[in-house]
Structures are given as C-alpha cells and as structure tokens.
Amino acid sequence: MAELLVMAVSNTNKSDALSDAEHWKRGDVIEVRADGWGWGTSELTSEKFRIIRVPGLITSKQEALMSQPLNEDMAKGIKRRLRTLDFAALPAGVAKSFSPPRSGPYIDMTVSRVDSITELKS
C-alpha cells in the first residue's frame, strides 16, 4: 500500500501570476510514502491536505505521480508535478471527502480509481 499526501485546496497568489503558478494546487500529489508513514499533525488534521491510502499502488505509478517537468522551473526549486488528481471526476459521495469539513485522517481508494482521476496538467 502507498499513502499519497494531496492538496485539498489551492494555494494562490492573486497579485502575481508567476508566483501563483509556483504554488501547490488542489489535486497536486505532494508526497508518496509507504503504508503506515508517520504523518505529522498538520497532514492528518489540516483542511489543506488529504491522505489517500491506495493498496497495491506499484512503484512505477508512484513515480509517475511524483514526476516533475524537465525545464527551467526545476532549477528554481519549483516542485510542480506533471500530473494532478481531478477530484471533480469522482462520484459525489467520494468527492465531498476532499471538501471541508475533514471527516478523518485517511481516504481509501483503489488503484483503478486513482488511475481514473489522474490527468496531465495543461
């Protein structure tokens, strides 16, 4: 099993479009860790994050979720991902798990469900 730390809300900078593009956005996978990782209080309780537990998520799919664009942004330390999770593509009952209030520390999903909502960023 893998656990995905995902942004549930977008960080924004409305006054500077370039800076705004560097911020984590809703659906971005921030980190992938092994089952049972010792997440901190913020990750477990904050409305900003959700932790998705995915049994059977193979290493190559974990790496794909964490992949970054190979461009000048990497030299600047910008950690944007090539892929995002589209919560709007989930059934309504599951999608509401990504909106406040947070109902618990974890959301369980299958590999096929994660695959179905993973998309390349534009």
N, C-alpha and C. Protein backbone atom coordinates (compact mmCIF):
# COMPACT_ATOMS: atom_id res chain seq x y z
N MET A 1 0.85 -1.18 0.00
CA MET A 1 0.00 0.00 0.00
C MET A 1 0.89 1.24 0.00
N ALA A 2 0.40 2.27 -0.61
CA ALA A 2 1.07 3.57 -0.59
C ALA A 2 0.10 4.60 -0.03
N GLU A 3 0.64 5.65 0.52
CA GLU A 3 -0.17 6.75 1.02
C GLU A 3 0.25 8.02 0.28
N LEU A 4 -0.73 8.73 -0.27
CA LEU A 4 -0.49 9.95 -1.04
C LEU A 4 -0.91 11.15 -0.22
N LEU A 5 0.00 12.09 -0.04
CA LEU A 5 -0.35 13.38 0.57
C LEU A 5 -0.73 14.30 -0.57
N VAL A 6 -1.99 14.78 -0.54
CA VAL A 6 -2.55 15.53 -1.65
C VAL A 6 -3.09 16.87 -1.14
N MET A 7 -2.92 17.92 -1.96
CA MET A 7 -3.51 19.22 -1.64
C MET A 7 -5.02 19.14 -1.84
N ALA A 8 -5.78 19.54 -0.84
CA ALA A 8 -7.23 19.57 -0.95
C ALA A 8 -7.73 20.95 -1.37
N VAL A 9 -6.89 21.98 -1.18
CA VAL A 9 -7.21 23.35 -1.59
C VAL A 9 -6.00 23.92 -2.32
N SER A 10 -6.24 24.90 -3.15
CA SER A 10 -5.14 25.54 -3.89
C SER A 10 -4.53 26.66 -3.07
N ASN A 11 -3.21 26.71 -3.07
CA ASN A 11 -2.50 27.88 -2.55
C ASN A 11 -2.44 28.87 -3.70
N THR A 12 -2.74 30.13 -3.44
CA THR A 12 -2.77 31.11 -4.53
C THR A 12 -2.03 32.38 -4.15
N ASN A 13 -1.62 33.09 -5.19
CA ASN A 13 -1.08 34.44 -5.07
C ASN A 13 -1.72 35.24 -6.18
N LYS A 14 -2.85 35.84 -5.89
CA LYS A 14 -3.63 36.53 -6.92
C LYS A 14 -2.95 37.77 -7.47
N SER A 15 -1.98 38.31 -6.73
CA SER A 15 -1.33 39.54 -7.19
C SER A 15 -0.16 39.28 -8.13
N ASP A 16 0.28 38.02 -8.26
CA ASP A 16 1.44 37.73 -9.10
C ASP A 16 1.24 36.38 -9.78
N ALA A 17 0.93 36.40 -11.07
CA ALA A 17 0.62 35.17 -11.80
C ALA A 17 1.79 34.20 -11.83
N LEU A 18 3.02 34.69 -11.96
CA LEU A 18 4.19 33.82 -11.99
C LEU A 18 4.35 33.11 -10.65
N SER A 19 4.25 33.87 -9.58
CA SER A 19 4.34 33.28 -8.25
C SER A 19 3.20 32.30 -8.01
N ASP A 20 2.01 32.65 -8.47
CA ASP A 20 0.86 31.78 -8.30
C ASP A 20 1.09 30.42 -8.96
N ALA A 21 1.72 30.40 -10.11
CA ALA A 21 1.98 29.16 -10.83
C ALA A 21 2.93 28.24 -10.07
N GLU A 22 3.70 28.81 -9.17
CA GLU A 22 4.67 28.02 -8.40
C GLU A 22 4.05 27.36 -7.17
N HIS A 23 2.85 27.74 -6.81
CA HIS A 23 2.20 27.21 -5.60
C HIS A 23 1.53 25.87 -5.88
N TRP A 24 1.44 25.06 -4.81
CA TRP A 24 0.70 23.81 -4.90
C TRP A 24 -0.77 24.11 -5.16
N LYS A 25 -1.40 23.28 -5.99
CA LYS A 25 -2.82 23.45 -6.33
C LYS A 25 -3.62 22.23 -5.91
N ARG A 26 -4.93 22.42 -5.80
CA ARG A 26 -5.85 21.33 -5.44
C ARG A 26 -5.61 20.14 -6.37
N GLY A 27 -5.42 18.97 -5.77
CA GLY A 27 -5.19 17.75 -6.55
C GLY A 27 -3.73 17.40 -6.74
N ASP A 28 -2.82 18.32 -6.42
CA ASP A 28 -1.39 18.01 -6.55
C ASP A 28 -0.97 16.98 -5.51
N VAL A 29 -0.22 15.99 -5.96
CA VAL A 29 0.34 14.99 -5.05
C VAL A 29 1.65 15.56 -4.53
N ILE A 30 1.70 15.86 -3.25
CA ILE A 30 2.89 16.45 -2.66
C ILE A 30 3.93 15.39 -2.36
N GLU A 31 3.47 14.26 -1.85
CA GLU A 31 4.40 13.21 -1.44
C GLU A 31 3.72 11.85 -1.51
N VAL A 32 4.51 10.82 -1.79
CA VAL A 32 4.04 9.43 -1.75
C VAL A 32 4.92 8.70 -0.74
N ARG A 33 4.30 8.04 0.21
CA ARG A 33 5.04 7.32 1.25
C ARG A 33 4.47 5.91 1.42
N ALA A 34 5.26 5.06 2.05
CA ALA A 34 4.84 3.69 2.33
C ALA A 34 3.71 3.68 3.35
N ASP A 35 2.92 2.63 3.31
CA ASP A 35 1.83 2.43 4.26
C ASP A 35 2.35 2.56 5.69
N GLY A 36 1.61 3.31 6.49
CA GLY A 36 1.99 3.47 7.89
C GLY A 36 2.98 4.58 8.16
N TRP A 37 3.24 5.42 7.14
CA TRP A 37 4.17 6.54 7.32
C TRP A 37 3.73 7.39 8.50
N GLY A 38 4.69 7.96 9.21
CA GLY A 38 4.39 8.77 10.38
C GLY A 38 4.07 10.21 10.02
N TRP A 39 2.89 10.44 9.48
CA TRP A 39 2.47 11.79 9.10
C TRP A 39 2.37 12.66 10.34
N GLY A 40 2.62 13.95 10.16
CA GLY A 40 2.52 14.90 11.26
C GLY A 40 1.09 15.33 11.50
N THR A 41 0.89 16.05 12.58
CA THR A 41 -0.44 16.53 12.95
C THR A 41 -1.06 17.37 11.84
N SER A 42 -0.26 18.22 11.20
CA SER A 42 -0.79 19.08 10.14
C SER A 42 -1.34 18.26 8.98
N GLU A 43 -0.58 17.27 8.55
CA GLU A 43 -1.05 16.44 7.42
C GLU A 43 -2.31 15.65 7.79
N LEU A 44 -2.40 15.23 9.04
CA LEU A 44 -3.52 14.40 9.48
C LEU A 44 -4.78 15.19 9.81
N THR A 45 -4.65 16.49 10.09
CA THR A 45 -5.82 17.24 10.57
C THR A 45 -6.16 18.49 9.75
N SER A 46 -5.22 19.03 9.01
CA SER A 46 -5.46 20.29 8.30
C SER A 46 -6.45 20.12 7.15
N GLU A 47 -7.27 21.13 6.93
CA GLU A 47 -8.19 21.14 5.79
C GLU A 47 -7.44 21.28 4.47
N LYS A 48 -6.17 21.69 4.51
CA LYS A 48 -5.39 21.89 3.30
C LYS A 48 -4.97 20.58 2.63
N PHE A 49 -4.89 19.51 3.43
CA PHE A 49 -4.36 18.24 2.92
C PHE A 49 -5.37 17.11 3.07
N ARG A 50 -5.15 16.07 2.26
CA ARG A 50 -5.83 14.79 2.45
C ARG A 50 -4.76 13.72 2.22
N ILE A 51 -4.92 12.60 2.93
CA ILE A 51 -4.04 11.46 2.73
C ILE A 51 -4.89 10.35 2.14
N ILE A 52 -4.47 9.89 0.96
CA ILE A 52 -5.19 8.83 0.26
C ILE A 52 -4.39 7.55 0.40
N ARG A 53 -5.01 6.51 0.96
CA ARG A 53 -4.38 5.20 1.06
C ARG A 53 -4.79 4.38 -0.16
N VAL A 54 -3.76 3.82 -0.84
CA VAL A 54 -4.01 3.09 -2.08
C VAL A 54 -3.32 1.72 -2.01
N PRO A 55 -4.06 0.66 -1.70
CA PRO A 55 -3.46 -0.68 -1.69
C PRO A 55 -3.03 -1.08 -3.09
N GLY A 56 -1.83 -1.64 -3.21
CA GLY A 56 -1.36 -2.19 -4.48
C GLY A 56 -0.84 -1.17 -5.47
N LEU A 57 -0.59 0.06 -5.06
CA LEU A 57 -0.05 1.07 -5.98
C LEU A 57 1.42 0.75 -6.23
N ILE A 58 1.73 0.33 -7.44
CA ILE A 58 3.09 -0.12 -7.74
C ILE A 58 4.05 1.07 -7.86
N THR A 59 5.32 0.78 -7.72
CA THR A 59 6.35 1.82 -7.69
C THR A 59 6.32 2.70 -8.93
N SER A 60 6.13 2.13 -10.11
CA SER A 60 6.15 2.95 -11.32
C SER A 60 5.01 3.97 -11.32
N LYS A 61 3.86 3.62 -10.79
CA LYS A 61 2.75 4.58 -10.71
C LYS A 61 3.03 5.63 -9.64
N GLN A 62 3.68 5.24 -8.54
CA GLN A 62 4.08 6.21 -7.53
C GLN A 62 5.03 7.23 -8.13
N GLU A 63 6.01 6.75 -8.89
CA GLU A 63 6.98 7.64 -9.53
C GLU A 63 6.31 8.56 -10.53
N ALA A 64 5.33 8.05 -11.27
CA ALA A 64 4.61 8.88 -12.24
C ALA A 64 3.86 10.02 -11.54
N LEU A 65 3.26 9.73 -10.38
CA LEU A 65 2.53 10.77 -9.64
C LEU A 65 3.48 11.84 -9.09
N MET A 66 4.72 11.47 -8.84
CA MET A 66 5.70 12.40 -8.28
C MET A 66 6.56 13.07 -9.35
N SER A 67 6.40 12.69 -10.61
CA SER A 67 7.28 13.23 -11.66
C SER A 67 7.09 14.72 -11.84
N GLN A 68 8.21 15.36 -12.20
CA GLN A 68 8.25 16.81 -12.38
C GLN A 68 8.62 17.14 -13.82
N PRO A 69 8.23 18.30 -14.29
CA PRO A 69 8.62 18.71 -15.64
C PRO A 69 10.13 18.94 -15.71
N LEU A 70 10.70 18.58 -16.81
CA LEU A 70 12.13 18.81 -17.02
C LEU A 70 12.30 20.14 -17.75
N ASN A 71 12.35 21.20 -16.99
CA ASN A 71 12.52 22.52 -17.59
C ASN A 71 13.20 23.45 -16.60
N GLU A 72 13.23 24.72 -16.93
CA GLU A 72 13.93 25.69 -16.09
C GLU A 72 13.32 25.83 -14.69
N ASP A 73 12.05 25.43 -14.53
CA ASP A 73 11.43 25.52 -13.21
C ASP A 73 12.13 24.63 -12.19
N MET A 74 12.65 23.49 -12.63
CA MET A 74 13.33 22.59 -11.70
C MET A 74 14.57 23.25 -11.11
N ALA A 75 15.27 24.04 -11.92
CA ALA A 75 16.47 24.72 -11.44
C ALA A 75 16.12 25.75 -10.37
N LYS A 76 14.90 26.26 -10.41
CA LYS A 76 14.44 27.25 -9.44
C LYS A 76 13.91 26.58 -8.16
N GLY A 77 13.84 25.25 -8.16
CA GLY A 77 13.32 24.55 -6.99
C GLY A 77 11.82 24.44 -6.95
N ILE A 78 11.14 24.75 -8.05
CA ILE A 78 9.68 24.67 -8.10
C ILE A 78 9.29 23.19 -8.19
N LYS A 79 8.42 22.75 -7.32
CA LYS A 79 8.08 21.34 -7.23
C LYS A 79 6.74 20.99 -7.84
N ARG A 80 6.38 21.66 -8.91
CA ARG A 80 5.12 21.29 -9.55
C ARG A 80 5.23 19.88 -10.11
N ARG A 81 4.11 19.25 -10.23
CA ARG A 81 4.04 17.90 -10.78
C ARG A 81 3.49 17.94 -12.19
N LEU A 82 3.80 16.89 -12.95
CA LEU A 82 3.25 16.76 -14.30
C LEU A 82 1.79 16.34 -14.27
N ARG A 83 1.40 15.68 -13.18
CA ARG A 83 0.05 15.14 -13.09
C ARG A 83 -0.69 15.72 -11.87
N THR A 84 -1.99 15.64 -11.93
CA THR A 84 -2.84 16.08 -10.83
C THR A 84 -3.99 15.10 -10.69
N LEU A 85 -4.63 15.12 -9.54
CA LEU A 85 -5.82 14.30 -9.33
C LEU A 85 -7.04 15.20 -9.46
N ASP A 86 -7.95 14.81 -10.34
CA ASP A 86 -9.15 15.60 -10.62
C ASP A 86 -10.29 15.11 -9.73
N PHE A 87 -10.47 15.76 -8.57
CA PHE A 87 -11.50 15.34 -7.63
C PHE A 87 -12.90 15.45 -8.21
N ALA A 88 -13.09 16.36 -9.16
CA ALA A 88 -14.41 16.54 -9.77
C ALA A 88 -14.84 15.31 -10.56
N ALA A 89 -13.88 14.46 -10.95
CA ALA A 89 -14.20 13.26 -11.71
C ALA A 89 -14.67 12.11 -10.81
N LEU A 90 -14.67 12.33 -9.51
CA LEU A 90 -15.11 11.30 -8.56
C LEU A 90 -16.63 11.35 -8.39
N PRO A 91 -17.23 10.23 -8.00
CA PRO A 91 -18.64 10.26 -7.64
C PRO A 91 -18.84 11.26 -6.48
N ALA A 92 -19.99 11.89 -6.44
CA ALA A 92 -20.25 12.96 -5.46
C ALA A 92 -19.94 12.56 -4.03
N GLY A 93 -20.30 11.35 -3.64
CA GLY A 93 -20.07 10.91 -2.28
C GLY A 93 -18.60 10.83 -1.91
N VAL A 94 -17.77 10.49 -2.87
CA VAL A 94 -16.33 10.41 -2.64
C VAL A 94 -15.71 11.80 -2.76
N ALA A 95 -16.16 12.58 -3.73
CA ALA A 95 -15.61 13.92 -3.96
C ALA A 95 -15.77 14.81 -2.73
N LYS A 96 -16.86 14.64 -1.99
CA LYS A 96 -17.07 15.50 -0.82
C LYS A 96 -16.03 15.24 0.27
N SER A 97 -15.32 14.12 0.21
CA SER A 97 -14.25 13.83 1.17
C SER A 97 -13.08 14.81 1.04
N PHE A 98 -13.03 15.49 -0.09
CA PHE A 98 -11.94 16.43 -0.33
C PHE A 98 -12.33 17.87 -0.05
N SER A 99 -13.52 18.06 0.48
CA SER A 99 -14.00 19.39 0.87
C SER A 99 -14.19 19.42 2.38
N PRO A 100 -14.10 20.62 2.98
CA PRO A 100 -14.32 20.72 4.42
C PRO A 100 -15.76 20.34 4.77
N PRO A 101 -16.01 19.86 5.96
CA PRO A 101 -15.02 19.54 6.98
C PRO A 101 -14.39 18.18 6.73
N ARG A 102 -13.20 18.03 7.21
CA ARG A 102 -12.47 16.77 7.06
C ARG A 102 -13.12 15.72 7.96
N SER A 103 -13.41 14.55 7.39
CA SER A 103 -14.13 13.53 8.17
C SER A 103 -13.20 12.54 8.88
N GLY A 104 -11.94 12.55 8.56
CA GLY A 104 -10.99 11.64 9.19
C GLY A 104 -9.63 11.82 8.57
N PRO A 105 -8.62 11.12 9.09
CA PRO A 105 -7.27 11.33 8.59
C PRO A 105 -7.00 10.72 7.22
N TYR A 106 -7.75 9.67 6.83
CA TYR A 106 -7.45 8.96 5.59
C TYR A 106 -8.67 8.80 4.70
N ILE A 107 -8.39 8.71 3.41
CA ILE A 107 -9.39 8.36 2.41
C ILE A 107 -8.84 7.14 1.68
N ASP A 108 -9.61 6.08 1.59
CA ASP A 108 -9.16 4.87 0.91
C ASP A 108 -9.66 4.86 -0.53
N MET A 109 -8.75 4.51 -1.45
CA MET A 109 -9.10 4.41 -2.87
C MET A 109 -8.39 3.22 -3.48
N THR A 110 -8.98 2.70 -4.53
CA THR A 110 -8.34 1.63 -5.29
C THR A 110 -7.40 2.24 -6.31
N VAL A 111 -6.50 1.40 -6.82
CA VAL A 111 -5.59 1.85 -7.87
C VAL A 111 -6.38 2.30 -9.09
N SER A 112 -7.41 1.56 -9.46
CA SER A 112 -8.18 1.92 -10.65
C SER A 112 -8.89 3.27 -10.47
N ARG A 113 -9.35 3.56 -9.27
CA ARG A 113 -9.99 4.87 -9.03
C ARG A 113 -8.95 5.98 -9.15
N VAL A 114 -7.77 5.80 -8.56
CA VAL A 114 -6.72 6.82 -8.67
C VAL A 114 -6.35 7.00 -10.15
N ASP A 115 -6.21 5.90 -10.87
CA ASP A 115 -5.90 6.00 -12.31
C ASP A 115 -6.97 6.81 -13.04
N SER A 116 -8.23 6.60 -12.68
CA SER A 116 -9.33 7.25 -13.40
C SER A 116 -9.39 8.76 -13.18
N ILE A 117 -8.78 9.26 -12.09
CA ILE A 117 -8.82 10.70 -11.83
C ILE A 117 -7.46 11.38 -12.03
N THR A 118 -6.45 10.59 -12.44
CA THR A 118 -5.12 11.16 -12.69
C THR A 118 -5.09 11.73 -14.10
N GLU A 119 -4.65 12.98 -14.20
CA GLU A 119 -4.56 13.60 -15.52
C GLU A 119 -3.30 14.45 -15.62
N LEU A 120 -2.84 14.63 -16.84
CA LEU A 120 -1.70 15.51 -17.09
C LEU A 120 -2.14 16.95 -16.91
N LYS A 121 -1.28 17.75 -16.31
CA LYS A 121 -1.59 19.16 -16.18
C LYS A 121 -1.41 19.84 -17.53
N SER A 122 -2.18 20.88 -17.74
CA SER A 122 -2.05 21.61 -19.00
C SER A 122 -0.97 22.66 -18.90
